[in-house]
Amino acid sequence: MNNPAVSRRARGFARMDASKQREIASRGGRAAHAHGTAHKFSSEEARAAGRKGGEAISGNREHMARIGRLGGEARRARRAERAALPQAGQPGATAAAPNKTEPSGEEE
């Protein structure tokens, strides 16, 4: 039964629901801080780590082109969607639907 095509069930931590995982991880973090073994990044360490990750990922030009293209497509879609919506106060704009909670004087 060592067939890689056969899907495996999640076990242990991965099988728990997200809230239970967060609870356990939170307890572990508090324990590490209380014990003095938790690491806190200084702003310089965080900056260096971010730079290192950025250099690693930006070296993959194919990946950078793909995410740039996706961002451009998403922006174009949002702009087209906004342009299709009627603007308030402009010709073709529809009036807001009447508020059904206030009495209009008409019987329904």
PDB file of N, CA and C in Angstrom:
ATOM      1  N   MET A   1       0.819  -1.196   0.000  1.00  0.00           N
ATOM      2  CA  MET A   1       0.000   0.000   0.000  1.00  0.00           C
ATOM      3  C   MET A   1       0.862   1.258   0.000  1.00  0.00           C
ATOM      4  N   ASN A   2       2.027   1.194  -0.623  1.00  0.00           N
ATOM      5  CA  ASN A   2       2.908   2.341  -0.738  1.00  0.00           C
ATOM      6  C   ASN A   2       2.755   3.026  -2.080  1.00  0.00           C
ATOM      7  N   ASN A   3       1.557   3.032  -2.606  1.00  0.00           N
ATOM      8  CA  ASN A   3       1.270   3.646  -3.885  1.00  0.00           C
ATOM      9  C   ASN A   3       1.103   5.151  -3.698  1.00  0.00           C
ATOM     10  N   PRO A   4       1.981   5.978  -4.313  1.00  0.00           N
ATOM     11  CA  PRO A   4       1.867   7.435  -4.134  1.00  0.00           C
ATOM     12  C   PRO A   4       0.602   8.027  -4.734  1.00  0.00           C
ATOM     13  N   ALA A   5      -0.061   7.290  -5.640  1.00  0.00           N
ATOM     14  CA  ALA A   5      -1.288   7.798  -6.257  1.00  0.00           C
ATOM     15  C   ALA A   5      -2.471   7.721  -5.294  1.00  0.00           C
ATOM     16  N   VAL A   6      -2.362   6.890  -4.254  1.00  0.00           N
ATOM     17  CA  VAL A   6      -3.436   6.746  -3.278  1.00  0.00           C
ATOM     18  C   VAL A   6      -3.364   7.929  -2.316  1.00  0.00           C
ATOM     19  N   SER A   7      -4.484   8.649  -2.191  1.00  0.00           N
ATOM     20  CA  SER A   7      -4.474   9.805  -1.294  1.00  0.00           C
ATOM     21  C   SER A   7      -4.463   9.335   0.152  1.00  0.00           C
ATOM     22  N   ARG A   8      -3.807  10.101   0.986  1.00  0.00           N
ATOM     23  CA  ARG A   8      -3.717   9.755   2.393  1.00  0.00           C
ATOM     24  C   ARG A   8      -4.580  10.697   3.201  1.00  0.00           C
ATOM     25  N   ARG A   9      -5.076  10.210   4.305  1.00  0.00           N
ATOM     26  CA  ARG A   9      -5.852  11.048   5.209  1.00  0.00           C
ATOM     27  C   ARG A   9      -4.915  11.892   6.051  1.00  0.00           C
ATOM     28  N   ALA A  10      -5.369  13.081   6.392  1.00  0.00           N
ATOM     29  CA  ALA A  10      -4.598  13.924   7.295  1.00  0.00           C
ATOM     30  C   ALA A  10      -4.562  13.258   8.668  1.00  0.00           C
ATOM     31  N   ARG A  11      -3.433  13.404   9.342  1.00  0.00           N
ATOM     32  CA  ARG A  11      -3.301  12.797  10.660  1.00  0.00           C
ATOM     33  C   ARG A  11      -2.800  13.839  11.643  1.00  0.00           C
ATOM     34  N   GLY A  12      -3.041  13.582  12.908  1.00  0.00           N
ATOM     35  CA  GLY A  12      -2.501  14.427  13.968  1.00  0.00           C
ATOM     36  C   GLY A  12      -2.959  15.870  13.886  1.00  0.00           C
ATOM     37  N   PHE A  13      -1.982  16.769  13.969  1.00  0.00           N
ATOM     38  CA  PHE A  13      -2.250  18.206  13.989  1.00  0.00           C
ATOM     39  C   PHE A  13      -3.003  18.648  12.741  1.00  0.00           C
ATOM     40  N   ALA A  14      -2.652  18.089  11.599  1.00  0.00           N
ATOM     41  CA  ALA A  14      -3.282  18.483  10.336  1.00  0.00           C
ATOM     42  C   ALA A  14      -4.752  18.085  10.278  1.00  0.00           C
ATOM     43  N   ARG A  15      -5.147  17.103  11.061  1.00  0.00           N
ATOM     44  CA  ARG A  15      -6.530  16.641  11.031  1.00  0.00           C
ATOM     45  C   ARG A  15      -7.436  17.494  11.915  1.00  0.00           C
ATOM     46  N   MET A  16      -6.854  18.251  12.837  1.00  0.00           N
ATOM     47  CA  MET A  16      -7.653  19.080  13.752  1.00  0.00           C
ATOM     48  C   MET A  16      -8.255  20.261  13.010  1.00  0.00           C
ATOM     49  N   ASP A  17      -9.348  20.779  13.545  1.00  0.00           N
ATOM     50  CA  ASP A  17      -9.912  21.973  12.928  1.00  0.00           C
ATOM     51  C   ASP A  17      -9.015  23.174  13.255  1.00  0.00           C
ATOM     52  N   ALA A  18      -9.168  24.226  12.475  1.00  0.00           N
ATOM     53  CA  ALA A  18      -8.274  25.382  12.560  1.00  0.00           C
ATOM     54  C   ALA A  18      -8.284  26.033  13.940  1.00  0.00           C
ATOM     55  N   SER A  19      -9.436  26.109  14.591  1.00  0.00           N
ATOM     56  CA  SER A  19      -9.493  26.764  15.904  1.00  0.00           C
ATOM     57  C   SER A  19      -8.715  25.966  16.947  1.00  0.00           C
ATOM     58  N   LYS A  20      -8.770  24.641  16.872  1.00  0.00           N
ATOM     59  CA  LYS A  20      -8.025  23.793  17.803  1.00  0.00           C
ATOM     60  C   LYS A  20      -6.520  23.937  17.548  1.00  0.00           C
ATOM     61  N   GLN A  21      -6.121  24.002  16.279  1.00  0.00           N
ATOM     62  CA  GLN A  21      -4.711  24.204  15.949  1.00  0.00           C
ATOM     63  C   GLN A  21      -4.209  25.527  16.505  1.00  0.00           C
ATOM     64  N   ARG A  22      -5.005  26.608  16.333  1.00  0.00           N
ATOM     65  CA  ARG A  22      -4.617  27.928  16.841  1.00  0.00           C
ATOM     66  C   ARG A  22      -4.472  27.906  18.351  1.00  0.00           C
ATOM     67  N   GLU A  23      -5.400  27.228  19.031  1.00  0.00           N
ATOM     68  CA  GLU A  23      -5.369  27.152  20.490  1.00  0.00           C
ATOM     69  C   GLU A  23      -4.081  26.468  20.966  1.00  0.00           C
ATOM     70  N   ILE A  24      -3.739  25.349  20.362  1.00  0.00           N
ATOM     71  CA  ILE A  24      -2.531  24.619  20.755  1.00  0.00           C
ATOM     72  C   ILE A  24      -1.281  25.431  20.436  1.00  0.00           C
ATOM     73  N   ALA A  25      -1.231  26.041  19.256  1.00  0.00           N
ATOM     74  CA  ALA A  25      -0.079  26.853  18.876  1.00  0.00           C
ATOM     75  C   ALA A  25       0.075  28.049  19.805  1.00  0.00           C
ATOM     76  N   SER A  26      -1.039  28.634  20.187  1.00  0.00           N
ATOM     77  CA  SER A  26      -1.008  29.779  21.103  1.00  0.00           C
ATOM     78  C   SER A  26      -0.436  29.377  22.455  1.00  0.00           C
ATOM     79  N   ARG A  27      -0.884  28.226  22.962  1.00  0.00           N
ATOM     80  CA  ARG A  27      -0.340  27.738  24.240  1.00  0.00           C
ATOM     81  C   ARG A  27       1.161  27.502  24.135  1.00  0.00           C
ATOM     82  N   GLY A  28       1.596  26.944  23.015  1.00  0.00           N
ATOM     83  CA  GLY A  28       3.025  26.706  22.825  1.00  0.00           C
ATOM     84  C   GLY A  28       3.812  28.002  22.792  1.00  0.00           C
ATOM     85  N   GLY A  29       3.259  29.009  22.123  1.00  0.00           N
ATOM     86  CA  GLY A  29       3.935  30.306  22.068  1.00  0.00           C
ATOM     87  C   GLY A  29       4.037  30.952  23.428  1.00  0.00           C
ATOM     88  N   ARG A  30       2.952  30.892  24.194  1.00  0.00           N
ATOM     89  CA  ARG A  30       2.990  31.475  25.548  1.00  0.00           C
ATOM     90  C   ARG A  30       3.998  30.751  26.418  1.00  0.00           C
ATOM     91  N   ALA A  31       4.054  29.419  26.295  1.00  0.00           N
ATOM     92  CA  ALA A  31       5.000  28.637  27.093  1.00  0.00           C
ATOM     93  C   ALA A  31       6.437  29.000  26.723  1.00  0.00           C
ATOM     94  N   ALA A  32       6.711  29.166  25.436  1.00  0.00           N
ATOM     95  CA  ALA A  32       8.065  29.515  25.000  1.00  0.00           C
ATOM     96  C   ALA A  32       8.469  30.881  25.534  1.00  0.00           C
ATOM     97  N   HIS A  33       7.555  31.841  25.513  1.00  0.00           N
ATOM     98  CA  HIS A  33       7.861  33.172  26.042  1.00  0.00           C
ATOM     99  C   HIS A  33       8.082  33.108  27.551  1.00  0.00           C
ATOM    100  N   ALA A  34       7.257  32.337  28.251  1.00  0.00           N
ATOM    101  CA  ALA A  34       7.402  32.216  29.702  1.00  0.00           C
ATOM    102  C   ALA A  34       8.718  31.534  30.063  1.00  0.00           C
ATOM    103  N   HIS A  35       9.140  30.590  29.231  1.00  0.00           N
ATOM    104  CA  HIS A  35      10.366  29.840  29.485  1.00  0.00           C
ATOM    105  C   HIS A  35      11.593  30.622  29.040  1.00  0.00           C
ATOM    106  N   GLY A  36      11.389  31.640  28.224  1.00  0.00           N
ATOM    107  CA  GLY A  36      12.501  32.470  27.763  1.00  0.00           C
ATOM    108  C   GLY A  36      13.176  31.926  26.513  1.00  0.00           C
ATOM    109  N   THR A  37      12.557  30.977  25.849  1.00  0.00           N
ATOM    110  CA  THR A  37      13.168  30.394  24.650  1.00  0.00           C
ATOM    111  C   THR A  37      12.553  30.908  23.347  1.00  0.00           C
ATOM    112  N   ALA A  38      11.577  31.788  23.438  1.00  0.00           N
ATOM    113  CA  ALA A  38      10.943  32.327  22.235  1.00  0.00           C
ATOM    114  C   ALA A  38      11.861  33.366  21.603  1.00  0.00           C
ATOM    115  N   HIS A  39      11.865  33.396  20.284  1.00  0.00           N
ATOM    116  CA  HIS A  39      12.700  34.366  19.578  1.00  0.00           C
ATOM    117  C   HIS A  39      11.838  35.540  19.137  1.00  0.00           C
ATOM    118  N   LYS A  40      12.292  36.726  19.412  1.00  0.00           N
ATOM    119  CA  LYS A  40      11.604  37.931  18.945  1.00  0.00           C
ATOM    120  C   LYS A  40      12.502  38.603  17.921  1.00  0.00           C
ATOM    121  N   PHE A  41      11.958  38.820  16.726  1.00  0.00           N
ATOM    122  CA  PHE A  41      12.727  39.488  15.684  1.00  0.00           C
ATOM    123  C   PHE A  41      12.868  40.960  16.008  1.00  0.00           C
ATOM    124  N   SER A  42      14.086  41.476  15.874  1.00  0.00           N
ATOM    125  CA  SER A  42      14.267  42.925  15.939  1.00  0.00           C
ATOM    126  C   SER A  42      13.882  43.462  14.561  1.00  0.00           C
ATOM    127  N   SER A  43      13.721  44.754  14.440  1.00  0.00           N
ATOM    128  CA  SER A  43      13.342  45.301  13.140  1.00  0.00           C
ATOM    129  C   SER A  43      14.441  45.043  12.109  1.00  0.00           C
ATOM    130  N   GLU A  44      15.704  45.037  12.539  1.00  0.00           N
ATOM    131  CA  GLU A  44      16.803  44.768  11.607  1.00  0.00           C
ATOM    132  C   GLU A  44      16.760  43.316  11.124  1.00  0.00           C
ATOM    133  N   GLU A  45      16.492  42.375  12.036  1.00  0.00           N
ATOM    134  CA  GLU A  45      16.398  40.961  11.648  1.00  0.00           C
ATOM    135  C   GLU A  45      15.221  40.740  10.699  1.00  0.00           C
ATOM    136  N   ALA A  46      14.109  41.362  11.000  1.00  0.00           N
ATOM    137  CA  ALA A  46      12.930  41.209  10.148  1.00  0.00           C
ATOM    138  C   ALA A  46      13.200  41.783   8.759  1.00  0.00           C
ATOM    139  N   ARG A  47      13.871  42.925   8.712  1.00  0.00           N
ATOM    140  CA  ARG A  47      14.198  43.556   7.430  1.00  0.00           C
ATOM    141  C   ARG A  47      15.122  42.644   6.615  1.00  0.00           C
ATOM    142  N   ALA A  48      16.128  42.064   7.283  1.00  0.00           N
ATOM    143  CA  ALA A  48      17.075  41.179   6.593  1.00  0.00           C
ATOM    144  C   ALA A  48      16.365  39.924   6.078  1.00  0.00           C
ATOM    145  N   ALA A  49      15.467  39.367   6.886  1.00  0.00           N
ATOM    146  CA  ALA A  49      14.724  38.171   6.470  1.00  0.00           C
ATOM    147  C   ALA A  49      13.839  38.491   5.273  1.00  0.00           C
ATOM    148  N   GLY A  50      13.168  39.624   5.292  1.00  0.00           N
ATOM    149  CA  GLY A  50      12.323  40.030   4.174  1.00  0.00           C
ATOM    150  C   GLY A  50      13.133  40.251   2.915  1.00  0.00           C
ATOM    151  N   ARG A  51      14.292  40.857   3.062  1.00  0.00           N
ATOM    152  CA  ARG A  51      15.153  41.097   1.904  1.00  0.00           C
ATOM    153  C   ARG A  51      15.619  39.762   1.311  1.00  0.00           C
ATOM    154  N   LYS A  52      16.012  38.833   2.183  1.00  0.00           N
ATOM    155  CA  LYS A  52      16.488  37.527   1.721  1.00  0.00           C
ATOM    156  C   LYS A  52      15.374  36.787   0.962  1.00  0.00           C
ATOM    157  N   GLY A  53      14.160  36.804   1.512  1.00  0.00           N
ATOM    158  CA  GLY A  53      13.043  36.153   0.836  1.00  0.00           C
ATOM    159  C   GLY A  53      12.714  36.823  -0.475  1.00  0.00           C
ATOM    160  N   GLY A  54      12.757  38.145  -0.492  1.00  0.00           N
ATOM    161  CA  GLY A  54      12.472  38.885  -1.719  1.00  0.00           C
ATOM    162  C   GLY A  54      13.484  38.596  -2.805  1.00  0.00           C
ATOM    163  N   GLU A  55      14.762  38.494  -2.415  1.00  0.00           N
ATOM    164  CA  GLU A  55      15.803  38.186  -3.394  1.00  0.00           C
ATOM    165  C   GLU A  55      15.607  36.783  -3.949  1.00  0.00           C
ATOM    166  N   ALA A  56      15.225  35.851  -3.079  1.00  0.00           N
ATOM    167  CA  ALA A  56      15.045  34.463  -3.523  1.00  0.00           C
ATOM    168  C   ALA A  56      13.898  34.352  -4.517  1.00  0.00           C
ATOM    169  N   ILE A  57      12.789  34.993  -4.202  1.00  0.00           N
ATOM    170  CA  ILE A  57      11.609  34.853  -5.073  1.00  0.00           C
ATOM    171  C   ILE A  57      11.742  35.687  -6.341  1.00  0.00           C
ATOM    172  N   SER A  58      12.363  36.856  -6.238  1.00  0.00           N
ATOM    173  CA  SER A  58      12.454  37.709  -7.419  1.00  0.00           C
ATOM    174  C   SER A  58      13.474  37.182  -8.415  1.00  0.00           C
ATOM    175  N   GLY A  59      14.292  36.219  -8.011  1.00  0.00           N
ATOM    176  CA  GLY A  59      15.223  35.589  -8.938  1.00  0.00           C
ATOM    177  C   GLY A  59      14.496  34.709  -9.940  1.00  0.00           C
ATOM    178  N   ASN A  60      13.269  34.335  -9.639  1.00  0.00           N
ATOM    179  CA  ASN A  60      12.471  33.501 -10.525  1.00  0.00           C
ATOM    180  C   ASN A  60      11.640  34.441 -11.401  1.00  0.00           C
ATOM    181  N   ARG A  61      12.181  34.807 -12.549  1.00  0.00           N
ATOM    182  CA  ARG A  61      11.542  35.797 -13.424  1.00  0.00           C
ATOM    183  C   ARG A  61      10.187  35.313 -13.943  1.00  0.00           C
ATOM    184  N   GLU A  62      10.078  34.009 -14.168  1.00  0.00           N
ATOM    185  CA  GLU A  62       8.814  33.467 -14.655  1.00  0.00           C
ATOM    186  C   GLU A  62       7.703  33.680 -13.622  1.00  0.00           C
ATOM    187  N   HIS A  63       8.034  33.424 -12.367  1.00  0.00           N
ATOM    188  CA  HIS A  63       7.061  33.614 -11.281  1.00  0.00           C
ATOM    189  C   HIS A  63       6.680  35.089 -11.158  1.00  0.00           C
ATOM    190  N   MET A  64       7.676  35.960 -11.197  1.00  0.00           N
ATOM    191  CA  MET A  64       7.405  37.397 -11.061  1.00  0.00           C
ATOM    192  C   MET A  64       6.528  37.892 -12.207  1.00  0.00           C
ATOM    193  N   ALA A  65       6.780  37.408 -13.418  1.00  0.00           N
ATOM    194  CA  ALA A  65       5.962  37.809 -14.568  1.00  0.00           C
ATOM    195  C   ALA A  65       4.528  37.333 -14.388  1.00  0.00           C
ATOM    196  N   ARG A  66       4.374  36.099 -13.873  1.00  0.00           N
ATOM    197  CA  ARG A  66       3.033  35.533 -13.686  1.00  0.00           C
ATOM    198  C   ARG A  66       2.247  36.340 -12.652  1.00  0.00           C
ATOM    199  N   ILE A  67       2.865  36.665 -11.503  1.00  0.00           N
ATOM    200  CA  ILE A  67       2.105  37.396 -10.487  1.00  0.00           C
ATOM    201  C   ILE A  67       1.837  38.834 -10.915  1.00  0.00           C
ATOM    202  N   GLY A  68       2.749  39.416 -11.679  1.00  0.00           N
ATOM    203  CA  GLY A  68       2.498  40.752 -12.211  1.00  0.00           C
ATOM    204  C   GLY A  68       1.344  40.764 -13.194  1.00  0.00           C
ATOM    205  N   ARG A  69       1.297  39.746 -14.032  1.00  0.00           N
ATOM    206  CA  ARG A  69       0.214  39.631 -15.016  1.00  0.00           C
ATOM    207  C   ARG A  69      -1.127  39.432 -14.310  1.00  0.00           C
ATOM    208  N   LEU A  70      -1.148  38.580 -13.280  1.00  0.00           N
ATOM    209  CA  LEU A  70      -2.393  38.360 -12.531  1.00  0.00           C
ATOM    210  C   LEU A  70      -2.868  39.644 -11.861  1.00  0.00           C
ATOM    211  N   GLY A  71      -1.942  40.395 -11.296  1.00  0.00           N
ATOM    212  CA  GLY A  71      -2.304  41.664 -10.668  1.00  0.00           C
ATOM    213  C   GLY A  71      -2.882  42.648 -11.667  1.00  0.00           C
ATOM    214  N   GLY A  72      -2.271  42.716 -12.850  1.00  0.00           N
ATOM    215  CA  GLY A  72      -2.772  43.605 -13.896  1.00  0.00           C
ATOM    216  C   GLY A  72      -4.152  43.196 -14.379  1.00  0.00           C
ATOM    217  N   GLU A  73      -4.356  41.894 -14.524  1.00  0.00           N
ATOM    218  CA  GLU A  73      -5.669  41.413 -14.965  1.00  0.00           C
ATOM    219  C   GLU A  73      -6.741  41.700 -13.918  1.00  0.00           C
ATOM    220  N   ALA A  74      -6.400  41.535 -12.644  1.00  0.00           N
ATOM    221  CA  ALA A  74      -7.365  41.801 -11.580  1.00  0.00           C
ATOM    222  C   ALA A  74      -7.719  43.279 -11.540  1.00  0.00           C
ATOM    223  N   ARG A  75      -6.717  44.136 -11.721  1.00  0.00           N
ATOM    224  CA  ARG A  75      -6.965  45.576 -11.706  1.00  0.00           C
ATOM    225  C   ARG A  75      -7.855  45.982 -12.874  1.00  0.00           C
ATOM    226  N   ARG A  76      -7.575  45.421 -14.042  1.00  0.00           N
ATOM    227  CA  ARG A  76      -8.377  45.729 -15.227  1.00  0.00           C
ATOM    228  C   ARG A  76      -9.825  45.291 -15.017  1.00  0.00           C
ATOM    229  N   ALA A  77     -10.019  44.121 -14.409  1.00  0.00           N
ATOM    230  CA  ALA A  77     -11.376  43.618 -14.167  1.00  0.00           C
ATOM    231  C   ALA A  77     -12.121  44.518 -13.181  1.00  0.00           C
ATOM    232  N   ARG A  78     -11.428  44.969 -12.122  1.00  0.00           N
ATOM    233  CA  ARG A  78     -12.079  45.869 -11.158  1.00  0.00           C
ATOM    234  C   ARG A  78     -12.466  47.189 -11.805  1.00  0.00           C
ATOM    235  N   ARG A  79     -11.578  47.729 -12.630  1.00  0.00           N
ATOM    236  CA  ARG A  79     -11.891  48.986 -13.309  1.00  0.00           C
ATOM    237  C   ARG A  79     -13.079  48.831 -14.253  1.00  0.00           C
ATOM    238  N   ALA A  80     -13.121  47.736 -14.981  1.00  0.00           N
ATOM    239  CA  ALA A  80     -14.233  47.499 -15.903  1.00  0.00           C
ATOM    240  C   ALA A  80     -15.536  47.341 -15.133  1.00  0.00           C
ATOM    241  N   GLU A  81     -15.467  46.656 -13.995  1.00  0.00           N
ATOM    242  CA  GLU A  81     -16.662  46.469 -13.170  1.00  0.00           C
ATOM    243  C   GLU A  81     -17.167  47.807 -12.636  1.00  0.00           C
ATOM    244  N   ARG A  82     -16.242  48.651 -12.181  1.00  0.00           N
ATOM    245  CA  ARG A  82     -16.641  49.977 -11.682  1.00  0.00           C
ATOM    246  C   ARG A  82     -17.212  50.831 -12.796  1.00  0.00           C
ATOM    247  N   ALA A  83     -16.631  50.746 -13.972  1.00  0.00           N
ATOM    248  CA  ALA A  83     -17.105  51.550 -15.097  1.00  0.00           C
ATOM    249  C   ALA A  83     -18.506  51.115 -15.521  1.00  0.00           C
ATOM    250  N   ALA A  84     -18.849  49.863 -15.321  1.00  0.00           N
ATOM    251  CA  ALA A  84     -20.162  49.358 -15.721  1.00  0.00           C
ATOM    252  C   ALA A  84     -21.254  49.767 -14.743  1.00  0.00           C
ATOM    253  N   LEU A  85     -20.881  50.119 -13.511  1.00  0.00           N
ATOM    254  CA  LEU A  85     -21.870  50.521 -12.515  1.00  0.00           C
ATOM    255  C   LEU A  85     -22.312  51.956 -12.756  1.00  0.00           C
ATOM    256  N   PRO A  86     -23.607  52.237 -12.657  1.00  0.00           N
ATOM    257  CA  PRO A  86     -24.058  53.623 -12.822  1.00  0.00           C
ATOM    258  C   PRO A  86     -23.605  54.465 -11.631  1.00  0.00           C
ATOM    259  N   GLN A  87     -23.182  55.676 -11.908  1.00  0.00           N
ATOM    260  CA  GLN A  87     -22.718  56.582 -10.859  1.00  0.00           C
ATOM    261  C   GLN A  87     -23.892  57.433 -10.376  1.00  0.00           C
ATOM    262  N   ALA A  88     -23.968  57.677  -9.080  1.00  0.00           N
ATOM    263  CA  ALA A  88     -25.043  58.493  -8.504  1.00  0.00           C
ATOM    264  C   ALA A  88     -24.981  59.898  -9.098  1.00  0.00           C
ATOM    265  N   GLY A  89     -26.141  60.426  -9.453  1.00  0.00           N
ATOM    266  CA  GLY A  89     -26.211  61.793  -9.973  1.00  0.00           C
ATOM    267  C   GLY A  89     -25.899  61.898 -11.455  1.00  0.00           C
ATOM    268  N   GLN A  90     -25.642  60.790 -12.122  1.00  0.00           N
ATOM    269  CA  GLN A  90     -25.332  60.835 -13.540  1.00  0.00           C
ATOM    270  C   GLN A  90     -26.489  60.230 -14.326  1.00  0.00           C
ATOM    271  N   PRO A  91     -26.644  60.630 -15.571  1.00  0.00           N
ATOM    272  CA  PRO A  91     -27.721  60.083 -16.394  1.00  0.00           C
ATOM    273  C   PRO A  91     -27.617  58.568 -16.454  1.00  0.00           C
ATOM    274  N   GLY A  92     -28.745  57.891 -16.348  1.00  0.00           N
ATOM    275  CA  GLY A  92     -28.755  56.441 -16.402  1.00  0.00           C
ATOM    276  C   GLY A  92     -28.646  55.797 -15.035  1.00  0.00           C
ATOM    277  N   ALA A  93     -28.371  56.606 -14.019  1.00  0.00           N
ATOM    278  CA  ALA A  93     -28.269  56.047 -12.663  1.00  0.00           C
ATOM    279  C   ALA A  93     -29.664  55.738 -12.157  1.00  0.00           C
ATOM    280  N   THR A  94     -29.803  54.650 -11.470  1.00  0.00           N
ATOM    281  CA  THR A  94     -31.113  54.288 -10.941  1.00  0.00           C
ATOM    282  C   THR A  94     -31.256  54.827  -9.533  1.00  0.00           C
ATOM    283  N   ALA A  95     -32.470  55.176  -9.180  1.00  0.00           N
ATOM    284  CA  ALA A  95     -32.732  55.674  -7.832  1.00  0.00           C
ATOM    285  C   ALA A  95     -32.676  54.525  -6.856  1.00  0.00           C
ATOM    286  N   ALA A  96     -32.371  54.848  -5.619  1.00  0.00           N
ATOM    287  CA  ALA A  96     -32.317  53.822  -4.580  1.00  0.00           C
ATOM    288  C   ALA A  96     -33.711  53.242  -4.364  1.00  0.00           C
ATOM    289  N   ALA A  97     -33.760  51.979  -4.006  1.00  0.00           N
ATOM    290  CA  ALA A  97     -35.038  51.323  -3.742  1.00  0.00           C
ATOM    291  C   ALA A  97     -35.667  51.955  -2.514  1.00  0.00           C
ATOM    292  N   PRO A  98     -37.003  52.092  -2.492  1.00  0.00           N
ATOM    293  CA  PRO A  98     -37.659  52.702  -1.335  1.00  0.00           C
ATOM    294  C   PRO A  98     -37.448  51.846  -0.089  1.00  0.00           C
ATOM    295  N   ASN A  99     -37.398  52.524   1.042  1.00  0.00           N
ATOM    296  CA  ASN A  99     -37.200  51.853   2.318  1.00  0.00           C
ATOM    297  C   ASN A  99     -38.520  51.219   2.735  1.00  0.00           C
ATOM    298  N   LYS A 100     -38.561  49.922   2.865  1.00  0.00           N
ATOM    299  CA  LYS A 100     -39.794  49.200   3.179  1.00  0.00           C
ATOM    300  C   LYS A 100     -40.147  49.267   4.660  1.00  0.00           C
ATOM    301  N   THR A 101     -39.230  49.745   5.508  1.00  0.00           N
ATOM    302  CA  THR A 101     -39.524  49.787   6.943  1.00  0.00           C
ATOM    303  C   THR A 101     -40.353  50.993   7.329  1.00  0.00           C
ATOM    304  N   GLU A 102     -40.333  52.041   6.492  1.00  0.00           N
ATOM    305  CA  GLU A 102     -41.104  53.231   6.808  1.00  0.00           C
ATOM    306  C   GLU A 102     -42.457  53.147   6.089  1.00  0.00           C
ATOM    307  N   PRO A 103     -43.497  53.556   6.774  1.00  0.00           N
ATOM    308  CA  PRO A 103     -44.825  53.522   6.126  1.00  0.00           C
ATOM    309  C   PRO A 103     -44.874  54.538   4.993  1.00  0.00           C
ATOM    310  N   SER A 104     -45.434  54.126   3.876  1.00  0.00           N
ATOM    311  CA  SER A 104     -45.520  55.024   2.720  1.00  0.00           C
ATOM    312  C   SER A 104     -46.913  55.596   2.567  1.00  0.00           C
ATOM    313  N   GLY A 105     -47.823  55.192   3.434  1.00  0.00           N
ATOM    314  CA  GLY A 105     -49.186  55.665   3.327  1.00  0.00           C
ATOM    315  C   GLY A 105     -50.021  54.805   2.416  1.00  0.00           C
ATOM    316  N   GLU A 106     -49.404  53.829   1.777  1.00  0.00           N
ATOM    317  CA  GLU A 106     -50.134  52.934   0.878  1.00  0.00           C
ATOM    318  C   GLU A 106     -50.332  51.599   1.578  1.00  0.00           C
ATOM    319  N   GLU A 107     -51.457  50.986   1.325  1.00  0.00           N
ATOM    320  CA  GLU A 107     -51.738  49.645   1.861  1.00  0.00           C
ATOM    321  C   GLU A 107     -51.111  48.627   0.926  1.00  0.00           C
ATOM    322  N   GLU A 108     -50.533  47.580   1.481  1.00  0.00           N
ATOM    323  CA  GLU A 108     -49.942  46.531   0.639  1.00  0.00           C
ATOM    324  C   GLU A 108     -50.840  45.344   0.563  1.00  0.00           C
TER     325      GLU A 108
END
